Amino acid sequence: MAAGVPVVATAVGGVPALIADAAQGVLVPHRRPDLLAEAALALLADPSRRRATRRSTREQGIERLS
């Protein structure tokens, strides 16, 4: 997260605790590769959302490291 890379992940294990809201990334149900691909493509297609997610993810990652 501290690298500022937008996150697209499945909502399993501790991942939902790390990606608390849509500003930090996109969570999809597990065992749904179709939704995972759809979320990744949607993020790639929207540069402004990607920039906002990148910024939020980086800030959250740096906070967690401090």
PDB file of N, CA and C in Angstrom:
ATOM      1  N   MET A   1       0.804  -1.189   0.000  1.00  0.00           N
ATOM      2  CA  MET A   1       0.000   0.000   0.000  1.00  0.00           C
ATOM      3  C   MET A   1       0.851   1.258   0.000  1.00  0.00           C
ATOM      4  N   ALA A   2       1.960   1.236   0.714  1.00  0.00           N
ATOM      5  CA  ALA A   2       2.814   2.421   0.792  1.00  0.00           C
ATOM      6  C   ALA A   2       3.397   2.781  -0.570  1.00  0.00           C
ATOM      7  N   ALA A   3       3.402   1.827  -1.500  1.00  0.00           N
ATOM      8  CA  ALA A   3       3.900   2.102  -2.846  1.00  0.00           C
ATOM      9  C   ALA A   3       2.918   2.938  -3.649  1.00  0.00           C
ATOM     10  N   GLY A   4       1.696   3.078  -3.152  1.00  0.00           N
ATOM     11  CA  GLY A   4       0.700   3.886  -3.847  1.00  0.00           C
ATOM     12  C   GLY A   4       0.065   3.186  -5.025  1.00  0.00           C
ATOM     13  N   VAL A   5       0.027   1.871  -4.993  1.00  0.00           N
ATOM     14  CA  VAL A   5      -0.570   1.103  -6.078  1.00  0.00           C
ATOM     15  C   VAL A   5      -2.033   0.828  -5.735  1.00  0.00           C
ATOM     16  N   PRO A   6      -2.956   1.208  -6.611  1.00  0.00           N
ATOM     17  CA  PRO A   6      -4.360   0.904  -6.341  1.00  0.00           C
ATOM     18  C   PRO A   6      -4.549  -0.603  -6.162  1.00  0.00           C
ATOM     19  N   VAL A   7      -5.376  -0.985  -5.214  1.00  0.00           N
ATOM     20  CA  VAL A   7      -5.556  -2.390  -4.866  1.00  0.00           C
ATOM     21  C   VAL A   7      -6.886  -2.916  -5.386  1.00  0.00           C
ATOM     22  N   VAL A   8      -6.820  -4.065  -6.037  1.00  0.00           N
ATOM     23  CA  VAL A   8      -8.004  -4.825  -6.411  1.00  0.00           C
ATOM     24  C   VAL A   8      -7.780  -6.203  -5.817  1.00  0.00           C
ATOM     25  N   ALA A   9      -8.654  -6.608  -4.891  1.00  0.00           N
ATOM     26  CA  ALA A   9      -8.421  -7.862  -4.175  1.00  0.00           C
ATOM     27  C   ALA A   9      -9.736  -8.539  -3.811  1.00  0.00           C
ATOM     28  N   THR A  10      -9.614  -9.769  -3.365  1.00  0.00           N
ATOM     29  CA  THR A  10     -10.794 -10.482  -2.884  1.00  0.00           C
ATOM     30  C   THR A  10     -10.958 -10.235  -1.387  1.00  0.00           C
ATOM     31  N   ALA A  11     -12.195 -10.230  -0.948  1.00  0.00           N
ATOM     32  CA  ALA A  11     -12.520  -9.944   0.453  1.00  0.00           C
ATOM     33  C   ALA A  11     -12.417 -11.214   1.291  1.00  0.00           C
ATOM     34  N   VAL A  12     -11.191 -11.644   1.535  1.00  0.00           N
ATOM     35  CA  VAL A  12     -10.944 -12.833   2.347  1.00  0.00           C
ATOM     36  C   VAL A  12      -9.898 -12.517   3.406  1.00  0.00           C
ATOM     37  N   GLY A  13      -9.906 -13.296   4.477  1.00  0.00           N
ATOM     38  CA  GLY A  13      -8.910 -13.127   5.534  1.00  0.00           C
ATOM     39  C   GLY A  13      -8.892 -11.719   6.077  1.00  0.00           C
ATOM     40  N   GLY A  14      -7.693 -11.168   6.227  1.00  0.00           N
ATOM     41  CA  GLY A  14      -7.531  -9.837   6.781  1.00  0.00           C
ATOM     42  C   GLY A  14      -7.587  -8.718   5.766  1.00  0.00           C
ATOM     43  N   VAL A  15      -7.801  -9.042   4.506  1.00  0.00           N
ATOM     44  CA  VAL A  15      -7.803  -8.017   3.459  1.00  0.00           C
ATOM     45  C   VAL A  15      -8.850  -6.934   3.711  1.00  0.00           C
ATOM     46  N   PRO A  16     -10.086  -7.255   4.084  1.00  0.00           N
ATOM     47  CA  PRO A  16     -11.057  -6.183   4.327  1.00  0.00           C
ATOM     48  C   PRO A  16     -10.635  -5.197   5.417  1.00  0.00           C
ATOM     49  N   ALA A  17      -9.821  -5.629   6.361  1.00  0.00           N
ATOM     50  CA  ALA A  17      -9.332  -4.709   7.391  1.00  0.00           C
ATOM     51  C   ALA A  17      -8.319  -3.725   6.815  1.00  0.00           C
ATOM     52  N   LEU A  18      -7.598  -4.144   5.779  1.00  0.00           N
ATOM     53  CA  LEU A  18      -6.611  -3.266   5.146  1.00  0.00           C
ATOM     54  C   LEU A  18      -7.242  -2.315   4.141  1.00  0.00           C
ATOM     55  N   ILE A  19      -8.207  -2.805   3.407  1.00  0.00           N
ATOM     56  CA  ILE A  19      -8.891  -1.997   2.399  1.00  0.00           C
ATOM     57  C   ILE A  19     -10.266  -1.664   2.965  1.00  0.00           C
ATOM     58  N   ALA A  20     -10.302  -0.656   3.813  1.00  0.00           N
ATOM     59  CA  ALA A  20     -11.500  -0.348   4.587  1.00  0.00           C
ATOM     60  C   ALA A  20     -12.602   0.322   3.773  1.00  0.00           C
ATOM     61  N   ASP A  21     -12.238   1.043   2.732  1.00  0.00           N
ATOM     62  CA  ASP A  21     -13.269   1.713   1.947  1.00  0.00           C
ATOM     63  C   ASP A  21     -12.863   1.804   0.487  1.00  0.00           C
ATOM     64  N   ALA A  22     -13.785   2.215  -0.337  1.00  0.00           N
ATOM     65  CA  ALA A  22     -13.557   2.269  -1.778  1.00  0.00           C
ATOM     66  C   ALA A  22     -12.454   3.241  -2.182  1.00  0.00           C
ATOM     67  N   ALA A  23     -12.127   4.188  -1.329  1.00  0.00           N
ATOM     68  CA  ALA A  23     -11.061   5.138  -1.644  1.00  0.00           C
ATOM     69  C   ALA A  23      -9.692   4.473  -1.651  1.00  0.00           C
ATOM     70  N   GLN A  24      -9.569   3.329  -0.992  1.00  0.00           N
ATOM     71  CA  GLN A  24      -8.279   2.648  -0.899  1.00  0.00           C
ATOM     72  C   GLN A  24      -8.147   1.493  -1.871  1.00  0.00           C
ATOM     73  N   GLY A  25      -9.217   1.087  -2.476  1.00  0.00           N
ATOM     74  CA  GLY A  25      -9.151  -0.024  -3.415  1.00  0.00           C
ATOM     75  C   GLY A  25     -10.514  -0.617  -3.659  1.00  0.00           C
ATOM     76  N   VAL A  26     -10.502  -1.752  -4.327  1.00  0.00           N
ATOM     77  CA  VAL A  26     -11.739  -2.429  -4.685  1.00  0.00           C
ATOM     78  C   VAL A  26     -11.681  -3.844  -4.135  1.00  0.00           C
ATOM     79  N   LEU A  27     -12.711  -4.210  -3.394  1.00  0.00           N
ATOM     80  CA  LEU A  27     -12.826  -5.576  -2.886  1.00  0.00           C
ATOM     81  C   LEU A  27     -13.969  -6.285  -3.605  1.00  0.00           C
ATOM     82  N   VAL A  28     -13.727  -7.526  -3.961  1.00  0.00           N
ATOM     83  CA  VAL A  28     -14.760  -8.341  -4.590  1.00  0.00           C
ATOM     84  C   VAL A  28     -14.899  -9.637  -3.796  1.00  0.00           C
ATOM     85  N   PRO A  29     -16.035 -10.297  -3.904  1.00  0.00           N
ATOM     86  CA  PRO A  29     -16.211 -11.565  -3.196  1.00  0.00           C
ATOM     87  C   PRO A  29     -15.200 -12.608  -3.691  1.00  0.00           C
ATOM     88  N   HIS A  30     -14.819 -13.510  -2.795  1.00  0.00           N
ATOM     89  CA  HIS A  30     -13.886 -14.554  -3.210  1.00  0.00           C
ATOM     90  C   HIS A  30     -14.565 -15.511  -4.195  1.00  0.00           C
ATOM     91  N   ARG A  31     -13.739 -16.164  -4.957  1.00  0.00           N
ATOM     92  CA  ARG A  31     -14.191 -17.114  -5.985  1.00  0.00           C
ATOM     93  C   ARG A  31     -15.033 -16.459  -7.072  1.00  0.00           C
ATOM     94  N   ARG A  32     -14.736 -15.197  -7.347  1.00  0.00           N
ATOM     95  CA  ARG A  32     -15.432 -14.481  -8.414  1.00  0.00           C
ATOM     96  C   ARG A  32     -14.411 -13.801  -9.324  1.00  0.00           C
ATOM     97  N   PRO A  33     -13.660 -14.602 -10.084  1.00  0.00           N
ATOM     98  CA  PRO A  33     -12.640 -14.013 -10.955  1.00  0.00           C
ATOM     99  C   PRO A  33     -13.231 -13.058 -11.980  1.00  0.00           C
ATOM    100  N   ASP A  34     -14.497 -13.257 -12.348  1.00  0.00           N
ATOM    101  CA  ASP A  34     -15.135 -12.349 -13.287  1.00  0.00           C
ATOM    102  C   ASP A  34     -15.249 -10.944 -12.700  1.00  0.00           C
ATOM    103  N   LEU A  35     -15.624 -10.865 -11.420  1.00  0.00           N
ATOM    104  CA  LEU A  35     -15.733  -9.560 -10.762  1.00  0.00           C
ATOM    105  C   LEU A  35     -14.364  -8.949 -10.495  1.00  0.00           C
ATOM    106  N   LEU A  36     -13.373  -9.784 -10.233  1.00  0.00           N
ATOM    107  CA  LEU A  36     -12.008  -9.296 -10.033  1.00  0.00           C
ATOM    108  C   LEU A  36     -11.500  -8.639 -11.313  1.00  0.00           C
ATOM    109  N   ALA A  37     -11.696  -9.324 -12.424  1.00  0.00           N
ATOM    110  CA  ALA A  37     -11.281  -8.767 -13.716  1.00  0.00           C
ATOM    111  C   ALA A  37     -12.055  -7.500 -14.049  1.00  0.00           C
ATOM    112  N   GLU A  38     -13.346  -7.512 -13.795  1.00  0.00           N
ATOM    113  CA  GLU A  38     -14.187  -6.339 -14.062  1.00  0.00           C
ATOM    114  C   GLU A  38     -13.738  -5.130 -13.241  1.00  0.00           C
ATOM    115  N   ALA A  39     -13.422  -5.358 -11.976  1.00  0.00           N
ATOM    116  CA  ALA A  39     -12.970  -4.267 -11.109  1.00  0.00           C
ATOM    117  C   ALA A  39     -11.624  -3.713 -11.577  1.00  0.00           C
ATOM    118  N   ALA A  40     -10.717  -4.595 -11.968  1.00  0.00           N
ATOM    119  CA  ALA A  40      -9.405  -4.147 -12.458  1.00  0.00           C
ATOM    120  C   ALA A  40      -9.561  -3.341 -13.739  1.00  0.00           C
ATOM    121  N   LEU A  41     -10.381  -3.811 -14.648  1.00  0.00           N
ATOM    122  CA  LEU A  41     -10.595  -3.089 -15.907  1.00  0.00           C
ATOM    123  C   LEU A  41     -11.267  -1.744 -15.673  1.00  0.00           C
ATOM    124  N   ALA A  42     -12.210  -1.691 -14.747  1.00  0.00           N
ATOM    125  CA  ALA A  42     -12.883  -0.426 -14.438  1.00  0.00           C
ATOM    126  C   ALA A  42     -11.894   0.586 -13.870  1.00  0.00           C
ATOM    127  N   LEU A  43     -11.002   0.128 -13.014  1.00  0.00           N
ATOM    128  CA  LEU A  43      -9.990   1.011 -12.435  1.00  0.00           C
ATOM    129  C   LEU A  43      -9.015   1.491 -13.512  1.00  0.00           C
ATOM    130  N   LEU A  44      -8.634   0.599 -14.403  1.00  0.00           N
ATOM    131  CA  LEU A  44      -7.732   0.974 -15.496  1.00  0.00           C
ATOM    132  C   LEU A  44      -8.378   1.978 -16.447  1.00  0.00           C
ATOM    133  N   ALA A  45      -9.678   1.890 -16.613  1.00  0.00           N
ATOM    134  CA  ALA A  45     -10.387   2.758 -17.553  1.00  0.00           C
ATOM    135  C   ALA A  45     -10.689   4.143 -16.994  1.00  0.00           C
ATOM    136  N   ASP A  46     -10.478   4.345 -15.702  1.00  0.00           N
ATOM    137  CA  ASP A  46     -10.840   5.611 -15.072  1.00  0.00           C
ATOM    138  C   ASP A  46      -9.617   6.263 -14.422  1.00  0.00           C
ATOM    139  N   PRO A  47      -8.880   7.080 -15.184  1.00  0.00           N
ATOM    140  CA  PRO A  47      -7.647   7.680 -14.661  1.00  0.00           C
ATOM    141  C   PRO A  47      -7.847   8.531 -13.406  1.00  0.00           C
ATOM    142  N   SER A  48      -8.938   9.274 -13.306  1.00  0.00           N
ATOM    143  CA  SER A  48      -9.133  10.120 -12.127  1.00  0.00           C
ATOM    144  C   SER A  48      -9.379   9.263 -10.883  1.00  0.00           C
ATOM    145  N   ARG A  49     -10.146   8.209 -11.018  1.00  0.00           N
ATOM    146  CA  ARG A  49     -10.367   7.299  -9.880  1.00  0.00           C
ATOM    147  C   ARG A  49      -9.067   6.597  -9.495  1.00  0.00           C
ATOM    148  N   ARG A  50      -8.291   6.224 -10.495  1.00  0.00           N
ATOM    149  CA  ARG A  50      -7.011   5.564 -10.247  1.00  0.00           C
ATOM    150  C   ARG A  50      -6.069   6.482  -9.471  1.00  0.00           C
ATOM    151  N   ARG A  51      -6.005   7.753  -9.862  1.00  0.00           N
ATOM    152  CA  ARG A  51      -5.147   8.711  -9.155  1.00  0.00           C
ATOM    153  C   ARG A  51      -5.612   8.904  -7.713  1.00  0.00           C
ATOM    154  N   ALA A  52      -6.926   9.051  -7.524  1.00  0.00           N
ATOM    155  CA  ALA A  52      -7.465   9.245  -6.175  1.00  0.00           C
ATOM    156  C   ALA A  52      -7.210   8.019  -5.311  1.00  0.00           C
ATOM    157  N   THR A  53      -7.401   6.842  -5.877  1.00  0.00           N
ATOM    158  CA  THR A  53      -7.160   5.603  -5.131  1.00  0.00           C
ATOM    159  C   THR A  53      -5.686   5.460  -4.799  1.00  0.00           C
ATOM    160  N   ARG A  54      -4.837   5.802  -5.747  1.00  0.00           N
ATOM    161  CA  ARG A  54      -3.395   5.726  -5.522  1.00  0.00           C
ATOM    162  C   ARG A  54      -2.975   6.627  -4.368  1.00  0.00           C
ATOM    163  N   ARG A  55      -3.498   7.843  -4.369  1.00  0.00           N
ATOM    164  CA  ARG A  55      -3.161   8.808  -3.318  1.00  0.00           C
ATOM    165  C   ARG A  55      -3.630   8.310  -1.950  1.00  0.00           C
ATOM    166  N   SER A  56      -4.874   7.869  -1.871  1.00  0.00           N
ATOM    167  CA  SER A  56      -5.439   7.388  -0.610  1.00  0.00           C
ATOM    168  C   SER A  56      -4.709   6.138  -0.111  1.00  0.00           C
ATOM    169  N   THR A  57      -4.417   5.232  -1.032  1.00  0.00           N
ATOM    170  CA  THR A  57      -3.728   3.996  -0.669  1.00  0.00           C
ATOM    171  C   THR A  57      -2.337   4.290  -0.139  1.00  0.00           C
ATOM    172  N   ARG A  58      -1.643   5.209  -0.776  1.00  0.00           N
ATOM    173  CA  ARG A  58      -0.296   5.570  -0.319  1.00  0.00           C
ATOM    174  C   ARG A  58      -0.336   6.179   1.082  1.00  0.00           C
ATOM    175  N   GLU A  59      -1.267   7.115   1.298  1.00  0.00           N
ATOM    176  CA  GLU A  59      -1.380   7.753   2.612  1.00  0.00           C
ATOM    177  C   GLU A  59      -1.676   6.707   3.698  1.00  0.00           C
ATOM    178  N   GLN A  60      -2.594   5.804   3.407  1.00  0.00           N
ATOM    179  CA  GLN A  60      -2.955   4.767   4.371  1.00  0.00           C
ATOM    180  C   GLN A  60      -1.775   3.836   4.635  1.00  0.00           C
ATOM    181  N   GLY A  61      -1.050   3.484   3.604  1.00  0.00           N
ATOM    182  CA  GLY A  61       0.111   2.609   3.756  1.00  0.00           C
ATOM    183  C   GLY A  61       1.197   3.254   4.599  1.00  0.00           C
ATOM    184  N   ILE A  62       1.444   4.523   4.389  1.00  0.00           N
ATOM    185  CA  ILE A  62       2.467   5.241   5.172  1.00  0.00           C
ATOM    186  C   ILE A  62       2.031   5.347   6.623  1.00  0.00           C
ATOM    187  N   GLU A  63       0.751   5.605   6.870  1.00  0.00           N
ATOM    188  CA  GLU A  63       0.247   5.660   8.241  1.00  0.00           C
ATOM    189  C   GLU A  63       0.455   4.324   8.951  1.00  0.00           C
ATOM    190  N   ARG A  64       0.203   3.232   8.263  1.00  0.00           N
ATOM    191  CA  ARG A  64       0.340   1.906   8.872  1.00  0.00           C
ATOM    192  C   ARG A  64       1.808   1.573   9.176  1.00  0.00           C
ATOM    193  N   LEU A  65       2.716   2.129   8.409  1.00  0.00           N
ATOM    194  CA  LEU A  65       4.138   1.873   8.630  1.00  0.00           C
ATOM    195  C   LEU A  65       4.697   2.719   9.773  1.00  0.00           C
ATOM    196  N   SER A  66       4.048   3.826  10.076  1.00  0.00           N
ATOM    197  CA  SER A  66       4.546   4.738  11.113  1.00  0.00           C
ATOM    198  C   SER A  66       4.291   4.236  12.505  1.00  0.00           C
TER     199      SER A  66
END
